Amino acid sequence: AEKGYWVFRMGKAVHKPLITDKYRIV
């Protein structure tokens, strides 16, 4: 994200959320 990329955490069912408050990380 610091390099300017967006990141999409994929999955249809997952055990834990990806917790960040950074813009571009979904």
PDB file of all heavy atoms in Angstrom:
ATOM      1  N   ALA A   1       0.833  -1.210   0.000  1.00  0.00           N
ATOM      2  CA  ALA A   1       0.000   0.000   0.000  1.00  0.00           C
ATOM      3  C   ALA A   1       0.862   1.253   0.000  1.00  0.00           C
ATOM      4  O   ALA A   1       0.530   2.256  -0.652  1.00  0.00           O
ATOM      5  CB  ALA A   1      -0.938  -0.015   1.208  1.00  0.00           C
ATOM      6  N   GLU A   2       1.976   1.219   0.738  1.00  0.00           N
ATOM      7  CA  GLU A   2       2.896   2.352   0.758  1.00  0.00           C
ATOM      8  C   GLU A   2       3.471   2.620  -0.629  1.00  0.00           C
ATOM      9  O   GLU A   2       3.816   3.755  -0.962  1.00  0.00           O
ATOM     10  CB  GLU A   2       4.024   2.095   1.753  1.00  0.00           C
ATOM     11  CG  GLU A   2       3.596   2.185   3.217  1.00  0.00           C
ATOM     12  CD  GLU A   2       3.191   3.590   3.625  1.00  0.00           C
ATOM     13  OE1 GLU A   2       3.735   4.555   3.049  1.00  0.00           O
ATOM     14  OE2 GLU A   2       2.313   3.732   4.504  1.00  0.00           O
ATOM     15  N   LYS A   3       3.573   1.593  -1.449  1.00  0.00           N
ATOM     16  CA  LYS A   3       4.074   1.752  -2.814  1.00  0.00           C
ATOM     17  C   LYS A   3       2.985   2.188  -3.787  1.00  0.00           C
ATOM     18  O   LYS A   3       3.240   2.332  -4.982  1.00  0.00           O
ATOM     19  CB  LYS A   3       4.713   0.436  -3.291  1.00  0.00           C
ATOM     20  CG  LYS A   3       6.098   0.182  -2.710  1.00  0.00           C
ATOM     21  CD  LYS A   3       6.667  -1.115  -3.258  1.00  0.00           C
ATOM     22  CE  LYS A   3       8.151  -1.212  -2.955  1.00  0.00           C
ATOM     23  NZ  LYS A   3       8.961  -0.295  -3.791  1.00  0.00           N
ATOM     24  N   GLY A   4       1.759   2.337  -3.288  1.00  0.00           N
ATOM     25  CA  GLY A   4       0.671   2.830  -4.128  1.00  0.00           C
ATOM     26  C   GLY A   4      -0.287   1.771  -4.625  1.00  0.00           C
ATOM     27  O   GLY A   4      -1.235   2.088  -5.353  1.00  0.00           O
ATOM     28  N   TYR A   5      -0.076   0.511  -4.247  1.00  0.00           N
ATOM     29  CA  TYR A   5      -0.981  -0.550  -4.691  1.00  0.00           C
ATOM     30  C   TYR A   5      -2.203  -0.635  -3.780  1.00  0.00           C
ATOM     31  O   TYR A   5      -2.115  -0.374  -2.583  1.00  0.00           O
ATOM     32  CB  TYR A   5      -0.268  -1.912  -4.662  1.00  0.00           C
ATOM     33  CG  TYR A   5       0.866  -2.039  -5.646  1.00  0.00           C
ATOM     34  CD1 TYR A   5       2.171  -1.778  -5.251  1.00  0.00           C
ATOM     35  CD2 TYR A   5       0.633  -2.433  -6.955  1.00  0.00           C
ATOM     36  CE1 TYR A   5       3.224  -1.886  -6.144  1.00  0.00           C
ATOM     37  CE2 TYR A   5       1.678  -2.542  -7.860  1.00  0.00           C
ATOM     38  CZ  TYR A   5       2.969  -2.271  -7.453  1.00  0.00           C
ATOM     39  OH  TYR A   5       4.001  -2.372  -8.346  1.00  0.00           O
ATOM     40  N   TRP A   6      -3.305  -1.032  -4.369  1.00  0.00           N
ATOM     41  CA  TRP A   6      -4.434  -1.497  -3.585  1.00  0.00           C
ATOM     42  C   TRP A   6      -4.206  -2.983  -3.309  1.00  0.00           C
ATOM     43  O   TRP A   6      -3.557  -3.674  -4.092  1.00  0.00           O
ATOM     44  CB  TRP A   6      -5.746  -1.324  -4.352  1.00  0.00           C
ATOM     45  CG  TRP A   6      -6.246   0.084  -4.432  1.00  0.00           C
ATOM     46  CD1 TRP A   6      -5.658   1.126  -5.081  1.00  0.00           C
ATOM     47  CD2 TRP A   6      -7.437   0.602  -3.842  1.00  0.00           C
ATOM     48  NE1 TRP A   6      -6.397   2.266  -4.945  1.00  0.00           N
ATOM     49  CE2 TRP A   6      -7.514   1.967  -4.180  1.00  0.00           C
ATOM     50  CE3 TRP A   6      -8.449   0.053  -3.067  1.00  0.00           C
ATOM     51  CZ2 TRP A   6      -8.554   2.780  -3.770  1.00  0.00           C
ATOM     52  CZ3 TRP A   6      -9.503   0.860  -2.654  1.00  0.00           C
ATOM     53  CH2 TRP A   6      -9.541   2.215  -2.996  1.00  0.00           C
ATOM     54  N   VAL A   7      -4.757  -3.477  -2.208  1.00  0.00           N
ATOM     55  CA  VAL A   7      -4.675  -4.898  -1.882  1.00  0.00           C
ATOM     56  C   VAL A   7      -6.073  -5.395  -1.517  1.00  0.00           C
ATOM     57  O   VAL A   7      -6.735  -4.821  -0.644  1.00  0.00           O
ATOM     58  CB  VAL A   7      -3.706  -5.171  -0.713  1.00  0.00           C
ATOM     59  CG1 VAL A   7      -3.662  -6.670  -0.405  1.00  0.00           C
ATOM     60  CG2 VAL A   7      -2.301  -4.663  -1.038  1.00  0.00           C
ATOM     61  N   PHE A   8      -6.513  -6.446  -2.202  1.00  0.00           N
ATOM     62  CA  PHE A   8      -7.792  -7.085  -1.895  1.00  0.00           C
ATOM     63  C   PHE A   8      -7.529  -8.431  -1.241  1.00  0.00           C
ATOM     64  O   PHE A   8      -6.931  -9.313  -1.869  1.00  0.00           O
ATOM     65  CB  PHE A   8      -8.632  -7.285  -3.164  1.00  0.00           C
ATOM     66  CG  PHE A   8      -9.114  -6.007  -3.784  1.00  0.00           C
ATOM     67  CD1 PHE A   8      -8.400  -5.398  -4.802  1.00  0.00           C
ATOM     68  CD2 PHE A   8     -10.287  -5.409  -3.339  1.00  0.00           C
ATOM     69  CE1 PHE A   8      -8.838  -4.214  -5.378  1.00  0.00           C
ATOM     70  CE2 PHE A   8     -10.732  -4.217  -3.915  1.00  0.00           C
ATOM     71  CZ  PHE A   8     -10.004  -3.619  -4.940  1.00  0.00           C
ATOM     72  N   ARG A   9      -7.945  -8.574   0.001  1.00  0.00           N
ATOM     73  CA  ARG A   9      -7.830  -9.870   0.679  1.00  0.00           C
ATOM     74  C   ARG A   9      -9.005 -10.728   0.197  1.00  0.00           C
ATOM     75  O   ARG A   9     -10.169 -10.440   0.471  1.00  0.00           O
ATOM     76  CB  ARG A   9      -7.878  -9.677   2.195  1.00  0.00           C
ATOM     77  CG  ARG A   9      -7.610 -10.963   3.003  1.00  0.00           C
ATOM     78  CD  ARG A   9      -8.854 -11.822   3.223  1.00  0.00           C
ATOM     79  NE  ARG A   9      -8.612 -12.944   4.089  1.00  0.00           N
ATOM     80  CZ  ARG A   9      -8.873 -12.965   5.382  1.00  0.00           C
ATOM     81  NH1 ARG A   9      -9.408 -11.918   5.956  1.00  0.00           N
ATOM     82  NH2 ARG A   9      -8.601 -14.045   6.097  1.00  0.00           N
ATOM     83  N   MET A  10      -8.707 -11.810  -0.506  1.00  0.00           N
ATOM     84  CA  MET A  10      -9.721 -12.614  -1.157  1.00  0.00           C
ATOM     85  C   MET A  10     -10.209 -13.734  -0.241  1.00  0.00           C
ATOM     86  O   MET A  10      -9.600 -14.055   0.773  1.00  0.00           O
ATOM     87  CB  MET A  10      -9.161 -13.200  -2.458  1.00  0.00           C
ATOM     88  CG  MET A  10      -8.553 -12.186  -3.417  1.00  0.00           C
ATOM     89  SD  MET A  10      -9.739 -10.945  -3.982  1.00  0.00           S
ATOM     90  CE  MET A  10     -10.846 -11.972  -4.963  1.00  0.00           C
ATOM     91  N   GLY A  11     -11.312 -14.376  -0.663  1.00  0.00           N
ATOM     92  CA  GLY A  11     -11.847 -15.524   0.049  1.00  0.00           C
ATOM     93  C   GLY A  11     -13.362 -15.494   0.111  1.00  0.00           C
ATOM     94  O   GLY A  11     -13.971 -14.429   0.178  1.00  0.00           O
ATOM     95  N   LYS A  12     -13.952 -16.673   0.082  1.00  0.00           N
ATOM     96  CA  LYS A  12     -15.407 -16.780   0.206  1.00  0.00           C
ATOM     97  C   LYS A  12     -15.818 -17.052   1.656  1.00  0.00           C
ATOM     98  O   LYS A  12     -16.904 -16.669   2.083  1.00  0.00           O
ATOM     99  CB  LYS A  12     -15.925 -17.895  -0.698  1.00  0.00           C
ATOM    100  CG  LYS A  12     -17.441 -18.001  -0.758  1.00  0.00           C
ATOM    101  CD  LYS A  12     -17.897 -18.916  -1.872  1.00  0.00           C
ATOM    102  CE  LYS A  12     -19.414 -18.927  -1.978  1.00  0.00           C
ATOM    103  NZ  LYS A  12     -19.893 -19.691  -3.147  1.00  0.00           N
ATOM    104  N   ALA A  13     -14.947 -17.735   2.387  1.00  0.00           N
ATOM    105  CA  ALA A  13     -15.151 -17.969   3.819  1.00  0.00           C
ATOM    106  C   ALA A  13     -13.781 -17.978   4.467  1.00  0.00           C
ATOM    107  O   ALA A  13     -12.880 -18.677   4.008  1.00  0.00           O
ATOM    108  CB  ALA A  13     -15.864 -19.294   4.053  1.00  0.00           C
ATOM    109  N   VAL A  14     -13.598 -17.203   5.517  1.00  0.00           N
ATOM    110  CA  VAL A  14     -12.300 -17.105   6.195  1.00  0.00           C
ATOM    111  C   VAL A  14     -12.528 -17.086   7.707  1.00  0.00           C
ATOM    112  O   VAL A  14     -13.574 -16.664   8.183  1.00  0.00           O
ATOM    113  CB  VAL A  14     -11.517 -15.845   5.761  1.00  0.00           C
ATOM    114  CG1 VAL A  14     -11.148 -15.921   4.289  1.00  0.00           C
ATOM    115  CG2 VAL A  14     -12.321 -14.576   6.042  1.00  0.00           C
ATOM    116  N   HIS A  15     -11.534 -17.541   8.444  1.00  0.00           N
ATOM    117  CA  HIS A  15     -11.666 -17.601   9.900  1.00  0.00           C
ATOM    118  C   HIS A  15     -11.498 -16.234  10.569  1.00  0.00           C
ATOM    119  O   HIS A  15     -12.188 -15.930  11.540  1.00  0.00           O
ATOM    120  CB  HIS A  15     -10.639 -18.570  10.480  1.00  0.00           C
ATOM    121  CG  HIS A  15     -11.011 -20.004  10.325  1.00  0.00           C
ATOM    122  ND1 HIS A  15     -12.235 -20.509  10.690  1.00  0.00           N
ATOM    123  CD2 HIS A  15     -10.301 -21.068   9.838  1.00  0.00           C
ATOM    124  CE1 HIS A  15     -12.279 -21.799  10.449  1.00  0.00           C
ATOM    125  NE2 HIS A  15     -11.127 -22.168   9.928  1.00  0.00           N
ATOM    126  N   LYS A  16     -10.573 -15.419  10.048  1.00  0.00           N
ATOM    127  CA  LYS A  16     -10.238 -14.164  10.724  1.00  0.00           C
ATOM    128  C   LYS A  16     -10.259 -13.006   9.737  1.00  0.00           C
ATOM    129  O   LYS A  16      -9.900 -13.167   8.573  1.00  0.00           O
ATOM    130  CB  LYS A  16      -8.839 -14.262  11.340  1.00  0.00           C
ATOM    131  CG  LYS A  16      -8.707 -15.280  12.447  1.00  0.00           C
ATOM    132  CD  LYS A  16      -7.250 -15.432  12.875  1.00  0.00           C
ATOM    133  CE  LYS A  16      -6.695 -14.156  13.467  1.00  0.00           C
ATOM    134  NZ  LYS A  16      -5.297 -14.336  13.961  1.00  0.00           N
ATOM    135  N   PRO A  17     -10.654 -11.827  10.188  1.00  0.00           N
ATOM    136  CA  PRO A  17     -10.580 -10.645   9.322  1.00  0.00           C
ATOM    137  C   PRO A  17      -9.145 -10.160   9.180  1.00  0.00           C
ATOM    138  O   PRO A  17      -8.278 -10.487   9.996  1.00  0.00           O
ATOM    139  CB  PRO A  17     -11.427  -9.621  10.078  1.00  0.00           C
ATOM    140  CG  PRO A  17     -11.282 -10.003  11.514  1.00  0.00           C
ATOM    141  CD  PRO A  17     -11.206 -11.504  11.527  1.00  0.00           C
ATOM    142  N   LEU A  18      -8.896  -9.406   8.125  1.00  0.00           N
ATOM    143  CA  LEU A  18      -7.622  -8.705   7.962  1.00  0.00           C
ATOM    144  C   LEU A  18      -7.845  -7.294   8.490  1.00  0.00           C
ATOM    145  O   LEU A  18      -8.549  -6.495   7.875  1.00  0.00           O
ATOM    146  CB  LEU A  18      -7.208  -8.667   6.495  1.00  0.00           C
ATOM    147  CG  LEU A  18      -5.963  -7.837   6.161  1.00  0.00           C
ATOM    148  CD1 LEU A  18      -4.733  -8.421   6.850  1.00  0.00           C
ATOM    149  CD2 LEU A  18      -5.751  -7.767   4.644  1.00  0.00           C
ATOM    150  N   ILE A  19      -7.274  -6.999   9.626  1.00  0.00           N
ATOM    151  CA  ILE A  19      -7.547  -5.730  10.300  1.00  0.00           C
ATOM    152  C   ILE A  19      -6.419  -4.735  10.056  1.00  0.00           C
ATOM    153  O   ILE A  19      -5.283  -4.933  10.503  1.00  0.00           O
ATOM    154  CB  ILE A  19      -7.729  -5.947  11.817  1.00  0.00           C
ATOM    155  CG1 ILE A  19      -8.892  -6.918  12.071  1.00  0.00           C
ATOM    156  CG2 ILE A  19      -7.979  -4.614  12.523  1.00  0.00           C
ATOM    157  CD1 ILE A  19      -9.059  -7.299  13.533  1.00  0.00           C
ATOM    158  N   THR A  20      -6.709  -3.701   9.305  1.00  0.00           N
ATOM    159  CA  THR A  20      -5.805  -2.564   9.130  1.00  0.00           C
ATOM    160  C   THR A  20      -6.674  -1.326   8.954  1.00  0.00           C
ATOM    161  O   THR A  20      -7.842  -1.424   8.566  1.00  0.00           O
ATOM    162  CB  THR A  20      -4.881  -2.698   7.898  1.00  0.00           C
ATOM    163  OG1 THR A  20      -5.648  -2.468   6.714  1.00  0.00           O
ATOM    164  CG2 THR A  20      -4.220  -4.069   7.820  1.00  0.00           C
ATOM    165  N   ASP A  21      -6.111  -0.170   9.216  1.00  0.00           N
ATOM    166  CA  ASP A  21      -6.849   1.072   8.977  1.00  0.00           C
ATOM    167  C   ASP A  21      -6.249   1.826   7.796  1.00  0.00           C
ATOM    168  O   ASP A  21      -6.471   3.023   7.638  1.00  0.00           O
ATOM    169  CB  ASP A  21      -6.860   1.949  10.231  1.00  0.00           C
ATOM    170  CG  ASP A  21      -5.450   2.278  10.713  1.00  0.00           C
ATOM    171  OD1 ASP A  21      -4.474   1.842  10.061  1.00  0.00           O
ATOM    172  OD2 ASP A  21      -5.329   2.962  11.743  1.00  0.00           O
ATOM    173  N   LYS A  22      -5.499   1.108   6.977  1.00  0.00           N
ATOM    174  CA  LYS A  22      -4.785   1.732   5.858  1.00  0.00           C
ATOM    175  C   LYS A  22      -5.697   1.836   4.642  1.00  0.00           C
ATOM    176  O   LYS A  22      -6.334   0.858   4.232  1.00  0.00           O
ATOM    177  CB  LYS A  22      -3.541   0.909   5.514  1.00  0.00           C
ATOM    178  CG  LYS A  22      -2.673   1.504   4.432  1.00  0.00           C
ATOM    179  CD  LYS A  22      -1.925   2.718   4.929  1.00  0.00           C
ATOM    180  CE  LYS A  22      -0.954   3.229   3.866  1.00  0.00           C
ATOM    181  NZ  LYS A  22      -0.229   4.428   4.319  1.00  0.00           N
ATOM    182  N   TYR A  23      -5.721   3.005   4.067  1.00  0.00           N
ATOM    183  CA  TYR A  23      -6.436   3.222   2.807  1.00  0.00           C
ATOM    184  C   TYR A  23      -5.815   2.324   1.733  1.00  0.00           C
ATOM    185  O   TYR A  23      -4.613   2.122   1.705  1.00  0.00           O
ATOM    186  CB  TYR A  23      -6.310   4.694   2.419  1.00  0.00           C
ATOM    187  CG  TYR A  23      -6.912   5.069   1.085  1.00  0.00           C
ATOM    188  CD1 TYR A  23      -8.267   4.888   0.837  1.00  0.00           C
ATOM    189  CD2 TYR A  23      -6.120   5.610   0.073  1.00  0.00           C
ATOM    190  CE1 TYR A  23      -8.828   5.253  -0.369  1.00  0.00           C
ATOM    191  CE2 TYR A  23      -6.666   5.977  -1.138  1.00  0.00           C
ATOM    192  CZ  TYR A  23      -8.024   5.785  -1.362  1.00  0.00           C
ATOM    193  OH  TYR A  23      -8.571   6.148  -2.573  1.00  0.00           O
ATOM    194  N   ARG A  24      -6.616   1.782   0.876  1.00  0.00           N
ATOM    195  CA  ARG A  24      -6.247   0.904  -0.224  1.00  0.00           C
ATOM    196  C   ARG A  24      -6.216  -0.581   0.161  1.00  0.00           C
ATOM    197  O   ARG A  24      -6.088  -1.423  -0.713  1.00  0.00           O
ATOM    198  CB  ARG A  24      -4.886   1.249  -0.864  1.00  0.00           C
ATOM    199  CG  ARG A  24      -4.771   2.616  -1.501  1.00  0.00           C
ATOM    200  CD  ARG A  24      -3.513   2.685  -2.368  1.00  0.00           C
ATOM    201  NE  ARG A  24      -3.258   4.014  -2.874  1.00  0.00           N
ATOM    202  CZ  ARG A  24      -2.458   4.891  -2.280  1.00  0.00           C
ATOM    203  NH1 ARG A  24      -1.820   4.541  -1.180  1.00  0.00           N
ATOM    204  NH2 ARG A  24      -2.279   6.087  -2.784  1.00  0.00           N
ATOM    205  N   ILE A  25      -6.314  -0.914   1.434  1.00  0.00           N
ATOM    206  CA  ILE A  25      -6.340  -2.324   1.834  1.00  0.00           C
ATOM    207  C   ILE A  25      -7.787  -2.710   2.134  1.00  0.00           C
ATOM    208  O   ILE A  25      -8.417  -2.155   3.026  1.00  0.00           O
ATOM    209  CB  ILE A  25      -5.438  -2.576   3.054  1.00  0.00           C
ATOM    210  CG1 ILE A  25      -3.990  -2.213   2.717  1.00  0.00           C
ATOM    211  CG2 ILE A  25      -5.534  -4.034   3.500  1.00  0.00           C
ATOM    212  CD1 ILE A  25      -3.042  -2.319   3.901  1.00  0.00           C
ATOM    213  N   VAL A  26      -8.307  -3.665   1.370  1.00  0.00           N
ATOM    214  CA  VAL A  26      -9.728  -4.011   1.434  1.00  0.00           C
ATOM    215  C   VAL A  26      -9.883  -5.474   1.863  1.00  0.00           C
ATOM    216  O   VAL A  26      -9.377  -6.380   1.196  1.00  0.00           O
ATOM    217  CB  VAL A  26     -10.402  -3.807   0.058  1.00  0.00           C
ATOM    218  CG1 VAL A  26     -11.888  -4.142   0.142  1.00  0.00           C
ATOM    219  CG2 VAL A  26     -10.198  -2.381  -0.444  1.00  0.00           C
TER     220      VAL A  26
END
